C-alpha atoms as a PDB file:
ATOM      1  CA  MET A   1      66.498   8.552 149.662  1.00  0.00           C
ATOM      2  CA  LYS A   2      66.385   6.356 147.100  1.00  0.00           C
ATOM      3  CA  LYS A   3      67.171   9.096 144.336  1.00  0.00           C
ATOM      4  CA  THR A   4      70.137   9.782 146.616  1.00  0.00           C
ATOM      5  CA  ILE A   5      71.544   6.007 146.707  1.00  0.00           C
ATOM      6  CA  LEU A   6      70.909   5.983 142.711  1.00  0.00           C
ATOM      7  CA  LEU A   7      72.465   8.984 141.986  1.00  0.00           C
ATOM      8  CA  SER A   8      75.529   7.888 144.386  1.00  0.00           C
ATOM      9  CA  ILE A   9      75.773   4.598 142.163  1.00  0.00           C
ATOM     10  CA  ILE A  10      75.609   6.443 138.831  1.00  0.00           C
ATOM     11  CA  LEU A  11      78.480   8.955 140.197  1.00  0.00           C
ATOM     12  CA  MET A  12      80.488   6.124 141.363  1.00  0.00           C
ATOM     13  CA  ALA A  13      80.064   3.729 138.182  1.00  0.00           C
ATOM     14  CA  SER A  14      80.953   6.799 136.206  1.00  0.00           C
ATOM     15  CA  TYR A  15      83.839   7.448 138.140  1.00  0.00           C
ATOM     16  CA  PHE A  16      85.192   4.183 137.969  1.00  0.00           C
ATOM     17  CA  ASN A  17      84.659   4.119 134.239  1.00  0.00           C
ATOM     18  CA  VAL A  18      86.691   7.156 133.537  1.00  0.00           C
ATOM     19  CA  GLN A  19      89.062   5.855 135.712  1.00  0.00           C
ATOM     20  CA  SER A  20      89.670   2.730 133.928  1.00  0.00           C
ATOM     21  CA  GLN A  21      89.870   4.363 130.648  1.00  0.00           C
ATOM     22  CA  ASN A  22      92.255   6.861 131.775  1.00  0.00           C
ATOM     23  CA  LYS A  23      94.558   3.247 132.760  1.00  0.00           C
ATOM     24  CA  ILE A  24      98.109   4.370 131.312  1.00  0.00           C
ATOM     25  CA  SER A  25      99.293   1.032 129.914  1.00  0.00           C
ATOM     26  CA  VAL A  26     101.230  -0.676 127.276  1.00  0.00           C
ATOM     27  CA  GLU A  27      99.216  -0.812 123.556  1.00  0.00           C
ATOM     28  CA  LYS A  28      97.397  -3.947 122.983  1.00  0.00           C
ATOM     29  CA  SER A  29      99.329  -5.057 120.249  1.00  0.00           C
ATOM     30  CA  ILE A  30     101.768  -3.422 117.694  1.00  0.00           C
ATOM     31  CA  TYR A  31     103.357  -4.389 114.305  1.00  0.00           C
ATOM     32  CA  GLY A  32     106.434  -2.606 112.538  1.00  0.00           C
ATOM     33  CA  ILE A  33     109.443  -3.141 110.574  1.00  0.00           C
ATOM     34  CA  GLN A  34     112.974  -1.947 111.568  1.00  0.00           C
ATOM     35  CA  THR A  35     116.397  -1.465 110.620  1.00  0.00           C
ATOM     36  CA  GLY A  36     119.664  -0.848 112.141  1.00  0.00           C
ATOM     37  CA  THR A  37     123.298  -0.511 111.275  1.00  0.00           C
ATOM     38  CA  LEU A  38     123.419  -4.287 110.072  1.00  0.00           C
ATOM     39  CA  GLY A  39     120.214  -6.102 109.476  1.00  0.00           C
ATOM     40  CA  PHE A  40     116.494  -5.532 109.311  1.00  0.00           C
ATOM     41  CA  TRP A  41     113.807  -7.124 111.256  1.00  0.00           C
ATOM     42  CA  PHE A  42     109.882  -7.388 111.297  1.00  0.00           C
ATOM     43  CA  TYR A  43     108.329  -7.416 115.022  1.00  0.00           C
ATOM     44  CA  ASN A  44     105.140  -7.560 116.959  1.00  0.00           C
ATOM     45  CA  GLU A  45     104.635  -6.228 120.911  1.00  0.00           C
ATOM     46  CA  ALA A  46     101.981  -8.192 122.475  1.00  0.00           C
ATOM     47  CA  LYS A  47     100.026  -6.586 125.638  1.00  0.00           C
ATOM     48  CA  LEU A  48     100.601  -8.888 128.647  1.00  0.00           C
ATOM     49  CA  THR A  49     100.109  -6.921 131.467  1.00  0.00           C
ATOM     50  CA  ASN A  50      99.763  -2.681 131.760  1.00  0.00           C
ATOM     51  CA  THR A  51     103.620  -2.218 131.783  1.00  0.00           C
ATOM     52  CA  ILE A  52     104.828  -5.550 130.244  1.00  0.00           C
ATOM     53  CA  ALA A  53     104.790  -6.424 126.608  1.00  0.00           C
ATOM     54  CA  LEU A  54     106.187  -9.912 124.714  1.00  0.00           C
ATOM     55  CA  ARG A  55     108.437  -8.824 121.319  1.00  0.00           C
ATOM     56  CA  SER A  56     108.693 -11.146 118.914  1.00  0.00           C
ATOM     57  CA  GLU A  57     110.464 -10.417 115.996  1.00  0.00           C
ATOM     58  CA  ILE A  58     112.303 -12.504 112.942  1.00  0.00           C
ATOM     59  CA  GLY A  59     114.761 -10.718 110.472  1.00  0.00           C
ATOM     60  CA  LEU A  60     118.347 -10.785 109.361  1.00  0.00           C
ATOM     61  CA  ASP A  61     121.071  -9.709 110.976  1.00  0.00           C
ATOM     62  CA  GLY A  62     124.613  -8.946 109.584  1.00  0.00           C
ATOM     63  CA  GLY A  63     128.118  -8.964 110.700  1.00  0.00           C
ATOM     64  CA  PHE A  64     131.363  -8.423 109.571  1.00  0.00           C
ATOM     65  CA  ILE A  65     135.244  -9.524 110.354  1.00  0.00           C
ATOM     66  CA  ALA A  66     137.782  -7.844 108.618  1.00  0.00           C
ATOM     67  CA  GLY A  67     141.838  -8.602 109.438  1.00  0.00           C
ATOM     68  CA  SER A  68     144.817  -9.419 107.930  1.00  0.00           C
ATOM     69  CA  SER A  69     144.833 -13.235 108.579  1.00  0.00           C
ATOM     70  CA  VAL A  70     141.261 -13.666 107.258  1.00  0.00           C
ATOM     71  CA  GLY A  71     140.628 -10.774 104.771  1.00  0.00           C
ATOM     72  CA  PHE A  72     137.070  -9.402 104.814  1.00  0.00           C
ATOM     73  CA  ILE A  73     134.272 -11.974 105.916  1.00  0.00           C
ATOM     74  CA  TYR A  74     130.590 -10.396 105.746  1.00  0.00           C
ATOM     75  CA  VAL A  75     127.595 -12.792 107.175  1.00  0.00           C
ATOM     76  CA  LEU A  76     123.688 -12.036 106.804  1.00  0.00           C
ATOM     77  CA  ALA A  77     122.021 -14.635 108.893  1.00  0.00           C
ATOM     78  CA  PRO A  78     118.149 -15.142 109.987  1.00  0.00           C
ATOM     79  CA  THR A  79     117.311 -14.592 113.546  1.00  0.00           C
ATOM     80  CA  ILE A  80     114.438 -15.403 115.928  1.00  0.00           C
ATOM     81  CA  THR A  81     114.056 -13.381 118.847  1.00  0.00           C
ATOM     82  CA  ALA A  82     111.405 -13.195 121.949  1.00  0.00           C
ATOM     83  CA  GLU A  83     111.833 -10.579 124.614  1.00  0.00           C
ATOM     84  CA  PRO A  84     109.632  -9.637 127.182  1.00  0.00           C
ATOM     85  CA  ARG A  85     109.678  -6.219 128.161  1.00  0.00           C
ATOM     86  CA  PHE A  86     109.017  -4.051 131.505  1.00  0.00           C
ATOM     87  CA  TYR A  87     107.934  -0.575 130.432  1.00  0.00           C
ATOM     88  CA  TYR A  88     108.826   1.172 133.710  1.00  0.00           C
ATOM     89  CA  ASN A  89     108.143   4.660 133.245  1.00  0.00           C
ATOM     90  CA  LEU A  90     105.101   4.878 131.441  1.00  0.00           C
ATOM     91  CA  LYS A  91     102.871   6.561 134.368  1.00  0.00           C
ATOM     92  CA  LYS A  92     106.063   8.973 134.453  1.00  0.00           C
ATOM     93  CA  ARG A  93     106.066  10.142 130.941  1.00  0.00           C
ATOM     94  CA  SER A  94     102.412  10.218 130.763  1.00  0.00           C
ATOM     95  CA  LYS A  95     102.359  12.587 134.162  1.00  0.00           C
ATOM     96  CA  LYS A  96     104.883  14.988 132.344  1.00  0.00           C
ATOM     97  CA  GLY A  97     102.270  15.196 129.223  1.00  0.00           C
ATOM     98  CA  LYS A  98     105.134  13.419 126.930  1.00  0.00           C
ATOM     99  CA  SER A  99     103.479  10.673 124.627  1.00  0.00           C
ATOM    100  CA  ILE A 100     103.610   6.736 125.121  1.00  0.00           C
ATOM    101  CA  LEU A 101     102.228   6.006 121.880  1.00  0.00           C
ATOM    102  CA  LYS A 102     103.287   3.013 120.468  1.00  0.00           C
ATOM    103  CA  ASN A 103     104.734   2.069 123.939  1.00  0.00           C
ATOM    104  CA  SER A 104     107.239   5.450 124.056  1.00  0.00           C
ATOM    105  CA  ALA A 105     109.120   4.499 127.477  1.00  0.00           C
ATOM    106  CA  ASN A 106     112.450   3.192 128.893  1.00  0.00           C
ATOM    107  CA  PHE A 107     112.485  -0.625 129.435  1.00  0.00           C
ATOM    108  CA  LEU A 108     114.179  -3.357 130.918  1.00  0.00           C
ATOM    109  CA  ALA A 109     114.092  -6.730 128.522  1.00  0.00           C
ATOM    110  CA  LEU A 110     115.287 -10.152 128.916  1.00  0.00           C
ATOM    111  CA  GLU A 111     116.070 -11.284 125.132  1.00  0.00           C
ATOM    112  CA  PHE A 112     116.191 -14.647 123.768  1.00  0.00           C
ATOM    113  CA  PHE A 113     117.978 -14.285 120.584  1.00  0.00           C
ATOM    114  CA  TYR A 114     118.276 -17.508 118.292  1.00  0.00           C
ATOM    115  CA  VAL A 115     120.241 -17.877 115.194  1.00  0.00           C
ATOM    116  CA  PRO A 116     119.125 -20.821 113.172  1.00  0.00           C
ATOM    117  CA  ASP A 117     121.454 -22.247 110.484  1.00  0.00           C
ATOM    118  CA  LEU A 118     118.872 -22.329 107.961  1.00  0.00           C
ATOM    119  CA  PHE A 119     120.530 -20.462 105.270  1.00  0.00           C
ATOM    120  CA  VAL A 120     123.321 -17.544 105.278  1.00  0.00           C
ATOM    121  CA  ILE A 121     124.675 -15.113 103.014  1.00  0.00           C
ATOM    122  CA  SER A 122     128.626 -14.831 103.400  1.00  0.00           C
ATOM    123  CA  ASN A 123     131.743 -15.132 101.424  1.00  0.00           C
ATOM    124  CA  THR A 124     132.420 -17.993 103.625  1.00  0.00           C
ATOM    125  CA  ARG A 125     131.485 -21.340 104.471  1.00  0.00           C
ATOM    126  CA  GLY A 126     131.044 -22.416 108.116  1.00  0.00           C
ATOM    127  CA  SER A 127     131.005 -18.571 109.801  1.00  0.00           C
ATOM    128  CA  VAL A 128     127.286 -19.006 111.324  1.00  0.00           C
ATOM    129  CA  THR A 129     125.901 -21.959 113.912  1.00  0.00           C
ATOM    130  CA  ASN A 130     122.994 -22.637 115.457  1.00  0.00           C
ATOM    131  CA  SER A 131     123.060 -20.385 118.665  1.00  0.00           C
ATOM    132  CA  LEU A 132     121.245 -18.813 121.718  1.00  0.00           C
ATOM    133  CA  SER A 133     121.773 -15.605 123.653  1.00  0.00           C
ATOM    134  CA  ILE A 134     119.880 -14.807 126.576  1.00  0.00           C
ATOM    135  CA  ILE A 135     120.785 -10.936 127.414  1.00  0.00           C
ATOM    136  CA  PRO A 136     119.378  -9.180 129.808  1.00  0.00           C
ATOM    137  CA  LYS A 137     119.003  -5.348 128.698  1.00  0.00           C
ATOM    138  CA  TRP A 138     118.025  -1.631 129.013  1.00  0.00           C
ATOM    139  CA  GLY A 139     116.630   0.486 126.458  1.00  0.00           C
ATOM    140  CA  ILE A 140     114.461   3.146 125.432  1.00  0.00           C
ATOM    141  CA  LYS A 141     111.960   3.427 122.661  1.00  0.00           C
ATOM    142  CA  ARG A 142     110.492   6.721 121.204  1.00  0.00           C
ATOM    143  CA  THR A 143     107.662   7.443 118.864  1.00  0.00           C
ATOM    144  CA  ILE A 144     108.315  10.524 116.239  1.00  0.00           C
ATOM    145  CA  GLY A 145     104.945  11.622 114.401  1.00  0.00           C
ATOM    146  CA  LYS A 146     102.285   8.622 114.813  1.00  0.00           C
ATOM    147  CA  HIS A 147     104.392   5.859 113.049  1.00  0.00           C
ATOM    148  CA  PHE A 148     107.949   6.446 113.015  1.00  0.00           C
ATOM    149  CA  THR A 149     110.123   4.935 115.850  1.00  0.00           C
ATOM    150  CA  TYR A 150     114.033   4.661 117.077  1.00  0.00           C
ATOM    151  CA  GLU A 151     114.792   2.519 119.736  1.00  0.00           C
ATOM    152  CA  LEU A 152     118.376   1.923 121.746  1.00  0.00           C
ATOM    153  CA  GLY A 153     119.328  -0.950 123.523  1.00  0.00           C
ATOM    154  CA  LEU A 154     122.274  -2.225 125.585  1.00  0.00           C
ATOM    155  CA  GLY A 155     123.455  -5.372 127.634  1.00  0.00           C
ATOM    156  CA  ILE A 156     125.048  -8.264 128.516  1.00  0.00           C
ATOM    157  CA  GLY A 157     124.256 -11.803 128.594  1.00  0.00           C
ATOM    158  CA  TYR A 158     125.356 -15.540 127.615  1.00  0.00           C
ATOM    159  CA  TYR A 159     125.584 -17.116 124.478  1.00  0.00           C
ATOM    160  CA  ILE A 160     125.270 -21.023 123.738  1.00  0.00           C
ATOM    161  CA  ASP A 161     126.592 -22.349 120.909  1.00  0.00           C
ATOM    162  CA  LEU A 162     124.001 -25.257 120.262  1.00  0.00           C
ATOM    163  CA  ASP A 163     126.352 -27.205 118.034  1.00  0.00           C
ATOM    164  CA  ASP A 164     129.104 -27.068 120.040  1.00  0.00           C
ATOM    165  CA  SER A 165     129.169 -26.196 123.845  1.00  0.00           C
ATOM    166  CA  ARG A 166     132.822 -25.858 124.319  1.00  0.00           C
ATOM    167  CA  PHE A 167     132.289 -22.490 122.540  1.00  0.00           C
ATOM    168  CA  ASN A 168     129.828 -20.745 124.833  1.00  0.00           C
ATOM    169  CA  ASP A 169     130.911 -17.223 125.732  1.00  0.00           C
ATOM    170  CA  THR A 170     129.592 -13.697 126.854  1.00  0.00           C
ATOM    171  CA  ALA A 171     127.334 -12.265 124.374  1.00  0.00           C
ATOM    172  CA  ALA A 172     126.828  -8.402 124.169  1.00  0.00           C
ATOM    173  CA  ASP A 173     123.798  -6.711 122.568  1.00  0.00           C
ATOM    174  CA  LEU A 174     124.123  -2.874 121.460  1.00  0.00           C
ATOM    175  CA  HIS A 175     121.262  -2.050 118.950  1.00  0.00           C
ATOM    176  CA  LEU A 176     120.101   1.574 117.333  1.00  0.00           C
ATOM    177  CA  ARG A 177     117.275   0.945 115.279  1.00  0.00           C
ATOM    178  CA  ILE A 178     114.994   3.143 113.340  1.00  0.00           C
ATOM    179  CA  GLY A 179     111.819   1.741 112.368  1.00  0.00           C
ATOM    180  CA  TYR A 180     107.972   1.826 111.034  1.00  0.00           C
ATOM    181  CA  THR A 181     104.761   0.749 113.032  1.00  0.00           C
ATOM    182  CA  PHE A 182     101.501  -0.111 111.293  1.00  0.00           C
END
């Protein structure tokens, strides 16, 4: 009887150990660099739960305006972003045998995007002010090989001018980025 109980305990412990090792989850911590159409960024994704990661990034965002009244204006400004991401289809991708390496999955996020007026590279003065955008968005992230990634995201939210509240407005985010993870 004692041998049967002991064998049952060992089998149950090994079963739960295997189950916990096979738990599908976002990765503990990912560091990488990305570039897109108008900028480049350094980021980290840190695991909060099995399906939620906090992405933080710093970088330089670019933009331009062209028109007959203003001519051609270009801007490159520093940005700081904090973005909790809910990777909602990790289990589904894993069950289908698709990779979830480096958090390759679809996600929902709430982006907090801060543009400080520290320095600006531009051909016009006063082209950037302290601002904060809060944007809920949807996106996909995929890994090619072990280190290269691409990502697409889109969302609409709210823009707050921290220097002059009269200029609060709608903000949009549409990004397509490629990158390298370490």
